[in-house]
N, C-alpha and C. Protein backbone atom coordinates (compact mmCIF):
# COMPACT_ATOMS: atom_id res chain seq x y z
N MET A 1 173.54 71.73 31.00
CA MET A 1 172.90 71.87 29.71
C MET A 1 173.00 70.53 28.96
N GLU A 2 171.88 70.02 28.49
CA GLU A 2 171.89 68.72 27.83
C GLU A 2 172.29 68.84 26.36
N ASN A 3 171.72 69.78 25.62
CA ASN A 3 172.04 69.97 24.21
C ASN A 3 172.59 71.37 23.99
N GLU A 4 173.50 71.47 23.02
CA GLU A 4 174.14 72.75 22.76
C GLU A 4 174.21 72.97 21.25
N LEU A 5 173.74 74.12 20.79
CA LEU A 5 173.79 74.47 19.38
C LEU A 5 175.21 74.86 19.02
N ILE A 6 175.77 74.21 18.01
CA ILE A 6 177.13 74.51 17.56
C ILE A 6 177.15 74.64 16.05
N GLY A 7 178.19 75.16 15.52
CA GLY A 7 178.32 75.22 14.08
C GLY A 7 179.44 76.17 13.73
N PRO A 8 180.06 76.03 12.63
CA PRO A 8 179.88 74.94 11.67
C PRO A 8 180.61 73.67 12.11
N VAL A 9 180.26 72.57 11.47
CA VAL A 9 180.94 71.29 11.71
C VAL A 9 181.32 70.67 10.37
N TRP A 10 182.39 69.91 10.38
CA TRP A 10 182.85 69.19 9.21
C TRP A 10 182.70 67.70 9.48
N VAL A 11 182.11 66.97 8.52
CA VAL A 11 181.84 65.55 8.68
C VAL A 11 182.75 64.75 7.75
N THR A 12 183.44 63.76 8.32
CA THR A 12 184.38 62.94 7.55
C THR A 12 183.94 61.49 7.41
N LYS A 13 182.72 61.20 7.80
CA LYS A 13 182.24 59.81 7.75
C LYS A 13 182.38 59.21 6.36
N ASP A 14 182.03 59.95 5.32
CA ASP A 14 182.10 59.45 3.95
C ASP A 14 183.20 60.14 3.16
N ALA A 15 184.28 60.52 3.83
CA ALA A 15 185.33 61.30 3.18
C ALA A 15 185.95 60.58 1.98
N LEU A 16 186.06 59.26 2.03
CA LEU A 16 186.70 58.53 0.93
C LEU A 16 185.78 58.34 -0.27
N THR A 17 184.50 58.55 -0.10
CA THR A 17 183.57 58.37 -1.23
C THR A 17 182.94 59.69 -1.67
N CYS A 18 182.62 60.56 -0.73
CA CYS A 18 181.92 61.82 -1.06
C CYS A 18 182.72 63.05 -0.69
N GLY A 19 183.83 62.88 0.00
CA GLY A 19 184.60 64.02 0.46
C GLY A 19 184.14 64.49 1.83
N ILE A 20 184.77 65.53 2.32
CA ILE A 20 184.41 66.13 3.61
C ILE A 20 183.24 67.07 3.38
N THR A 21 182.22 66.96 4.20
CA THR A 21 181.06 67.85 4.06
C THR A 21 181.03 68.84 5.22
N LYS A 22 180.68 70.08 4.89
CA LYS A 22 180.58 71.13 5.90
C LYS A 22 179.10 71.44 6.12
N HIS A 23 178.72 71.52 7.38
CA HIS A 23 177.35 71.85 7.76
C HIS A 23 177.39 73.09 8.64
N SER A 24 176.49 74.00 8.37
CA SER A 24 176.53 75.29 9.06
C SER A 24 176.03 75.23 10.50
N MET A 25 175.21 74.24 10.83
CA MET A 25 174.63 74.21 12.17
C MET A 25 174.43 72.76 12.61
N ALA A 26 174.68 72.50 13.88
CA ALA A 26 174.45 71.18 14.45
C ALA A 26 174.10 71.33 15.91
N VAL A 27 173.51 70.30 16.46
CA VAL A 27 173.24 70.26 17.90
C VAL A 27 174.09 69.14 18.49
N TRP A 28 174.84 69.52 19.49
CA TRP A 28 175.69 68.58 20.21
C TRP A 28 174.86 67.99 21.32
N ASN A 29 174.58 66.70 21.22
CA ASN A 29 173.79 66.00 22.22
C ASN A 29 174.72 65.52 23.33
N ARG A 30 174.86 66.32 24.38
CA ARG A 30 175.83 66.03 25.42
C ARG A 30 175.40 64.86 26.31
N SER A 31 174.16 64.42 26.22
CA SER A 31 173.71 63.32 27.07
C SER A 31 174.22 61.98 26.57
N ILE A 32 174.71 61.94 25.34
CA ILE A 32 175.20 60.67 24.78
C ILE A 32 176.72 60.71 24.78
N ARG A 33 177.32 60.69 25.93
CA ARG A 33 178.77 60.63 26.14
C ARG A 33 179.54 61.70 25.38
N ASP A 34 178.94 62.86 25.19
CA ASP A 34 179.62 64.00 24.55
C ASP A 34 180.13 63.71 23.14
N THR A 35 179.51 62.78 22.44
CA THR A 35 180.08 62.39 21.15
C THR A 35 179.12 62.53 19.97
N MET A 36 177.84 62.73 20.18
CA MET A 36 176.88 62.72 19.08
C MET A 36 176.42 64.13 18.71
N ILE A 37 176.30 64.36 17.39
CA ILE A 37 175.69 65.60 16.91
C ILE A 37 174.54 65.25 15.97
N SER A 38 173.60 66.18 15.85
CA SER A 38 172.53 66.11 14.87
C SER A 38 172.68 67.32 13.96
N ILE A 39 172.49 67.12 12.67
CA ILE A 39 172.69 68.19 11.69
C ILE A 39 171.41 68.99 11.50
N LYS A 40 171.55 70.31 11.46
CA LYS A 40 170.43 71.21 11.17
C LYS A 40 170.72 71.88 9.84
N GLU A 41 169.83 71.69 8.89
CA GLU A 41 170.00 72.26 7.56
C GLU A 41 169.62 73.74 7.55
N PRO A 42 170.10 74.51 6.56
CA PRO A 42 169.71 75.91 6.46
C PRO A 42 168.19 76.06 6.41
N GLY A 43 167.67 77.04 7.07
CA GLY A 43 166.23 77.23 7.13
C GLY A 43 165.61 76.61 8.36
N GLY A 44 166.44 76.03 9.22
CA GLY A 44 165.94 75.49 10.48
C GLY A 44 165.38 74.08 10.40
N VAL A 45 165.54 73.41 9.27
CA VAL A 45 165.01 72.05 9.12
C VAL A 45 166.04 71.06 9.67
N TRP A 46 165.58 70.16 10.52
CA TRP A 46 166.48 69.15 11.07
C TRP A 46 166.61 68.00 10.09
N ALA A 47 167.82 67.64 9.81
CA ALA A 47 168.08 66.49 8.94
C ALA A 47 168.02 65.22 9.79
N LEU A 48 167.96 64.10 9.14
CA LEU A 48 167.95 62.83 9.85
C LEU A 48 169.36 62.31 10.07
N ASP A 49 170.35 63.16 9.86
CA ASP A 49 171.73 62.76 9.98
C ASP A 49 172.23 62.97 11.41
N HIS A 50 172.80 61.91 11.95
CA HIS A 50 173.42 61.96 13.27
C HIS A 50 174.81 61.38 13.11
N TYR A 51 175.78 61.99 13.74
CA TYR A 51 177.16 61.53 13.62
C TYR A 51 177.79 61.41 15.00
N PHE A 52 178.61 60.39 15.16
CA PHE A 52 179.36 60.17 16.38
C PHE A 52 180.83 60.48 16.12
N LYS A 53 181.56 60.87 17.16
CA LYS A 53 182.99 61.05 17.05
C LYS A 53 183.60 59.70 16.71
N PRO A 54 184.57 59.61 15.84
CA PRO A 54 185.40 60.65 15.26
C PRO A 54 184.95 61.08 13.87
N ASP A 55 183.66 60.97 13.56
CA ASP A 55 183.17 61.28 12.21
C ASP A 55 182.80 62.75 12.03
N TRP A 56 182.89 63.58 13.06
CA TRP A 56 182.62 65.01 12.92
C TRP A 56 183.67 65.81 13.67
N HIS A 57 183.87 67.07 13.22
CA HIS A 57 184.96 67.89 13.75
C HIS A 57 184.53 69.35 13.82
N LEU A 58 185.12 70.08 14.76
CA LEU A 58 184.80 71.49 14.94
C LEU A 58 185.72 72.41 14.13
N SER A 59 186.74 71.85 13.49
CA SER A 59 187.62 72.67 12.65
C SER A 59 187.92 71.94 11.35
N GLU A 60 188.15 72.73 10.32
CA GLU A 60 188.48 72.17 9.02
C GLU A 60 189.81 71.43 9.07
N ALA A 61 190.77 71.96 9.80
CA ALA A 61 192.08 71.33 9.91
C ALA A 61 191.99 69.94 10.54
N GLU A 62 191.17 69.82 11.58
CA GLU A 62 190.95 68.53 12.24
C GLU A 62 190.30 67.54 11.28
N ALA A 63 189.36 68.01 10.50
CA ALA A 63 188.68 67.16 9.52
C ALA A 63 189.65 66.69 8.44
N MET A 64 190.52 67.59 7.98
CA MET A 64 191.51 67.22 6.96
C MET A 64 192.47 66.16 7.51
N GLU A 65 192.87 66.32 8.75
CA GLU A 65 193.77 65.35 9.38
C GLU A 65 193.11 63.97 9.46
N ARG A 66 191.85 63.94 9.86
CA ARG A 66 191.11 62.67 9.95
C ARG A 66 190.95 62.03 8.57
N ALA A 67 190.66 62.83 7.56
CA ALA A 67 190.51 62.31 6.20
C ALA A 67 191.83 61.70 5.72
N GLU A 68 192.96 62.32 6.05
CA GLU A 68 194.27 61.75 5.71
C GLU A 68 194.48 60.41 6.41
N GLU A 69 194.08 60.32 7.67
CA GLU A 69 194.18 59.06 8.40
C GLU A 69 193.34 57.97 7.72
N LEU A 70 192.12 58.33 7.33
CA LEU A 70 191.25 57.36 6.65
C LEU A 70 191.85 56.91 5.33
N ARG A 71 192.40 57.86 4.56
CA ARG A 71 193.01 57.52 3.28
C ARG A 71 194.21 56.60 3.47
N ASN A 72 195.08 56.94 4.41
CA ASN A 72 196.26 56.10 4.65
C ASN A 72 195.88 54.70 5.12
N SER A 73 194.86 54.61 5.94
CA SER A 73 194.37 53.31 6.40
C SER A 73 193.84 52.49 5.23
N LYS A 74 193.11 53.13 4.33
CA LYS A 74 192.57 52.44 3.16
C LYS A 74 193.69 51.98 2.23
N ILE A 75 194.70 52.82 2.04
CA ILE A 75 195.85 52.45 1.21
C ILE A 75 196.54 51.23 1.80
N ASP A 76 196.77 51.21 3.11
CA ASP A 76 197.39 50.06 3.76
C ASP A 76 196.58 48.80 3.55
N SER A 77 195.26 48.91 3.65
CA SER A 77 194.37 47.78 3.45
C SER A 77 194.47 47.24 2.03
N VAL A 78 194.48 48.14 1.05
CA VAL A 78 194.55 47.72 -0.35
C VAL A 78 195.91 47.07 -0.65
N VAL A 79 196.98 47.59 -0.07
CA VAL A 79 198.31 46.99 -0.26
C VAL A 79 198.32 45.57 0.28
N LYS A 80 197.72 45.36 1.45
CA LYS A 80 197.63 44.01 2.03
C LYS A 80 196.81 43.08 1.13
N GLN A 81 195.70 43.59 0.60
CA GLN A 81 194.87 42.77 -0.30
C GLN A 81 195.64 42.40 -1.55
N LEU A 82 196.39 43.34 -2.11
CA LEU A 82 197.18 43.09 -3.30
C LEU A 82 198.24 42.03 -3.02
N ALA A 83 198.92 42.12 -1.89
CA ALA A 83 199.93 41.12 -1.53
C ALA A 83 199.30 39.74 -1.39
N LYS A 84 198.12 39.69 -0.80
CA LYS A 84 197.42 38.40 -0.63
C LYS A 84 197.05 37.83 -1.99
N LEU A 85 196.54 38.67 -2.89
CA LEU A 85 196.18 38.20 -4.23
C LEU A 85 197.40 37.71 -5.01
N ARG A 86 198.50 38.42 -4.88
CA ARG A 86 199.72 38.03 -5.60
C ARG A 86 200.30 36.73 -5.05
N SER A 87 200.10 36.44 -3.78
CA SER A 87 200.67 35.23 -3.20
C SER A 87 199.77 34.00 -3.38
N MET A 88 198.58 34.18 -3.92
CA MET A 88 197.66 33.06 -4.10
C MET A 88 198.19 32.07 -5.13
N THR A 89 197.97 30.81 -4.83
CA THR A 89 198.24 29.75 -5.81
C THR A 89 196.94 28.97 -5.98
N PHE A 90 196.77 28.42 -7.15
CA PHE A 90 195.53 27.71 -7.45
C PHE A 90 195.81 26.23 -7.62
N VAL A 91 194.93 25.42 -7.11
CA VAL A 91 195.04 23.97 -7.18
C VAL A 91 193.77 23.44 -7.81
N VAL A 92 193.92 22.53 -8.75
CA VAL A 92 192.76 21.88 -9.33
C VAL A 92 192.40 20.70 -8.45
N ARG A 93 191.15 20.62 -8.09
CA ARG A 93 190.71 19.52 -7.20
C ARG A 93 189.89 18.53 -7.96
């Protein structure tokens, strides 16, 4: 079977800006290394949204875990940026 109808799915691609989104129906495109889904909106309309792993999940718990990973990674990045800014010195040329 090339494509498989699945649902619901949780998407974490934009978790840090828009939160985790839940979609009631998706198609798992198994021909693309078992990693891509296409979202189907209520009423049978196909959206133009396609997501690759690890940006979609089959359980809410898995999505929450991924969102925590993304948040912690972002916090680490901001801490590094802050340290870099604090260590800067300025020279007049």
